[in-house]
C-alpha atoms as a PDB file:
ATOM      1  CA  UNK A   1      90.225 108.223  22.621  1.00  0.00           C
ATOM      2  CA  UNK A   2      87.789 108.949  25.337  1.00  0.00           C
ATOM      3  CA  UNK A   3      87.983 105.383  26.592  1.00  0.00           C
ATOM      4  CA  UNK A   4      91.716 105.635  27.105  1.00  0.00           C
ATOM      5  CA  UNK A   5      91.331 108.926  28.906  1.00  0.00           C
ATOM      6  CA  UNK A   6      88.704 107.459  31.192  1.00  0.00           C
ATOM      7  CA  UNK A   7      90.846 104.402  31.968  1.00  0.00           C
ATOM      8  CA  UNK A   8      93.835 106.639  32.677  1.00  0.00           C
ATOM      9  CA  UNK A   9      91.664 108.872  34.831  1.00  0.00           C
ATOM     10  CA  UNK A  10      90.345 105.838  36.719  1.00  0.00           C
ATOM     11  CA  UNK A  11      93.867 104.527  37.273  1.00  0.00           C
ATOM     12  CA  UNK A  12      95.034 107.963  38.419  1.00  0.00           C
ATOM     13  CA  UNK A  13      92.029 108.295  40.707  1.00  0.00           C
ATOM     14  CA  UNK A  14      92.636 104.827  42.187  1.00  0.00           C
ATOM     15  CA  UNK A  15      96.313 105.652  42.708  1.00  0.00           C
ATOM     16  CA  UNK A  16      95.436 108.935  44.410  1.00  0.00           C
ATOM     17  CA  UNK A  17      92.956 107.126  46.670  1.00  0.00           C
ATOM     18  CA  UNK A  18      95.608 104.583  47.597  1.00  0.00           C
ATOM     19  CA  UNK A  19      98.068 107.392  48.366  1.00  0.00           C
ATOM     20  CA  UNK A  20      95.420 109.119  50.483  1.00  0.00           C
ATOM     21  CA  UNK A  21      94.677 105.884  52.357  1.00  0.00           C
ATOM     22  CA  UNK A  22      98.387 105.286  52.981  1.00  0.00           C
ATOM     23  CA  UNK A  23      98.800 108.849  54.245  1.00  0.00           C
ATOM     24  CA  UNK A  24      95.844 108.329  56.600  1.00  0.00           C
ATOM     25  CA  UNK A  25      97.426 105.128  57.891  1.00  0.00           C
ATOM     26  CA  UNK A  26     100.750 106.896  58.318  1.00  0.00           C
ATOM     27  CA  UNK A  27      99.092 109.766  60.184  1.00  0.00           C
ATOM     28  CA  UNK A  28      97.260 107.332  62.471  1.00  0.00           C
ATOM     29  CA  UNK A  29     100.521 105.512  63.198  1.00  0.00           C
ATOM     30  CA  UNK A  30     102.180 108.840  64.027  1.00  0.00           C
ATOM     31  CA  UNK A  31      99.313 109.756  66.360  1.00  0.00           C
ATOM     32  CA  UNK A  32      99.566 106.383  68.068  1.00  0.00           C
ATOM     33  CA  UNK A  33     103.335 106.759  68.377  1.00  0.00           C
ATOM     34  CA  UNK A  34     103.000 110.229  69.906  1.00  0.00           C
ATOM     35  CA  UNK A  35     100.335 108.994  72.325  1.00  0.00           C
ATOM     36  CA  UNK A  36     102.587 106.093  73.344  1.00  0.00           C
ATOM     37  CA  UNK A  37     105.537 108.439  73.861  1.00  0.00           C
ATOM     38  CA  UNK A  38     103.395 110.751  75.976  1.00  0.00           C
ATOM     39  CA  UNK A  39     102.242 107.793  78.080  1.00  0.00           C
ATOM     40  CA  UNK A  40     105.840 106.633  78.411  1.00  0.00           C
ATOM     41  CA  UNK A  41     106.900 110.094  79.601  1.00  0.00           C
ATOM     42  CA  UNK A  42     104.029 110.184  82.085  1.00  0.00           C
ATOM     43  CA  UNK A  43     105.076 106.765  83.398  1.00  0.00           C
ATOM     44  CA  UNK A  44     108.687 107.909  83.718  1.00  0.00           C
ATOM     45  CA  UNK A  45     107.578 111.031  85.595  1.00  0.00           C
ATOM     46  CA  UNK A  46     105.505 108.919  87.958  1.00  0.00           C
ATOM     47  CA  UNK A  47     108.444 106.562  88.458  1.00  0.00           C
ATOM     48  CA  UNK A  48     110.742 109.480  89.284  1.00  0.00           C
ATOM     49  CA  UNK A  49     108.214 110.829  91.773  1.00  0.00           C
ATOM     50  CA  UNK A  50     108.012 107.432  93.480  1.00  0.00           C
ATOM     51  CA  UNK A  51     111.807 107.139  93.535  1.00  0.00           C
ATOM     52  CA  UNK A  52     112.121 110.599  95.084  1.00  0.00           C
ATOM     53  CA  UNK A  53     109.653 109.544  97.780  1.00  0.00           C
ATOM     54  CA  UNK A  54     111.690 106.417  98.472  1.00  0.00           C
ATOM     55  CA  UNK A  55     114.898 108.446  98.711  1.00  0.00           C
ATOM     56  CA  UNK A  56     113.264 110.847 101.171  1.00  0.00           C
ATOM     57  CA  UNK A  57     112.023 107.955 103.315  1.00  0.00           C
ATOM     58  CA  UNK A  58     115.498 106.416 103.272  1.00  0.00           C
ATOM     59  CA  UNK A  59     117.010 109.731 104.377  1.00  0.00           C
ATOM     60  CA  UNK A  60     114.539 109.927 107.261  1.00  0.00           C
ATOM     61  CA  UNK A  61     115.253 106.332 108.267  1.00  0.00           C
ATOM     62  CA  UNK A  62     118.995 106.987 108.177  1.00  0.00           C
ATOM     63  CA  UNK A  63     118.608 110.102 110.310  1.00  0.00           C
ATOM     64  CA  UNK A  64     116.523 108.159 112.856  1.00  0.00           C
ATOM     65  CA  UNK A  65     119.067 105.377 112.839  1.00  0.00           C
ATOM     66  CA  UNK A  66     121.904 107.836 113.514  1.00  0.00           C
ATOM     67  CA  UNK A  67     119.986 109.402 116.404  1.00  0.00           C
ATOM     68  CA  UNK A  68     119.248 105.972 117.839  1.00  0.00           C
ATOM     69  CA  UNK A  69     122.912 104.931 117.650  1.00  0.00           C
ATOM     70  CA  UNK A  70     124.013 108.170 119.301  1.00  0.00           C
ATOM     71  CA  UNK A  71     121.450 107.599 122.061  1.00  0.00           C
ATOM     72  CA  UNK A  72     122.516 103.958 122.558  1.00  0.00           C
ATOM     73  CA  UNK A  73     126.233 104.772 122.557  1.00  0.00           C
ATOM     74  CA  UNK A  74     125.668 107.693 124.914  1.00  0.00           C
ATOM     75  CA  UNK A  75     123.767 105.479 127.328  1.00  0.00           C
ATOM     76  CA  UNK A  76     126.495 102.829 127.136  1.00  0.00           C
ATOM     77  CA  UNK A  77     129.113 105.478 127.943  1.00  0.00           C
ATOM     78  CA  UNK A  78     127.080 106.701 130.911  1.00  0.00           C
ATOM     79  CA  UNK A  79     126.606 103.155 132.195  1.00  0.00           C
ATOM     80  CA  UNK A  80     130.290 102.413 131.693  1.00  0.00           C
ATOM     81  CA  UNK A  81     131.235 105.608 133.549  1.00  0.00           C
ATOM     82  CA  UNK A  82     128.802 104.830 136.381  1.00  0.00           C
ATOM     83  CA  UNK A  83     130.268 101.332 136.573  1.00  0.00           C
ATOM     84  CA  UNK A  84     133.782 102.739 136.907  1.00  0.00           C
ATOM     85  CA  UNK A  85     132.781 105.655 139.166  1.00  0.00           C
ATOM     86  CA  UNK A  86     133.066 103.682 142.420  1.00  0.00           C
ATOM     87  CA  UNK A  87     136.590 102.625 141.477  1.00  0.00           C
ATOM     88  CA  UNK A  88     137.622 106.207 140.690  1.00  0.00           C
ATOM     89  CA  UNK A  89     135.982 107.567 143.804  1.00  0.00           C
ATOM     90  CA  UNK A  90     137.858 105.056 146.007  1.00  0.00           C
ATOM     91  CA  UNK A  91     141.128 105.941 144.319  1.00  0.00           C
ATOM     92  CA  UNK A  92     140.561 109.674 144.708  1.00  0.00           C
ATOM     93  CA  UNK A  93     139.302 109.541 148.252  1.00  0.00           C
ATOM     94  CA  UNK A  94     141.965 107.076 149.272  1.00  0.00           C
ATOM     95  CA  UNK A  95     139.605 104.393 150.602  1.00  0.00           C
END
């Protein structure tokens, strides 16, 4: 009877070891998965930071562009007015 008990105990022990090993593997996979998710979140955060920087630079470029167009159009208006000024002055002065 003792032989059967020992064989059953050995089988039970081997099964428990296999369960323990599988649980260790599962835990390691979970740790790896969590680490990968954390890295993914860090990468996404970095990407968002870069995108925000790009958006800010685009806003600045657009603002500069608007100011430049206003300056150019203003100068064109002044030049146009100065070009027409002699005509208006002759008409008004009657020359």
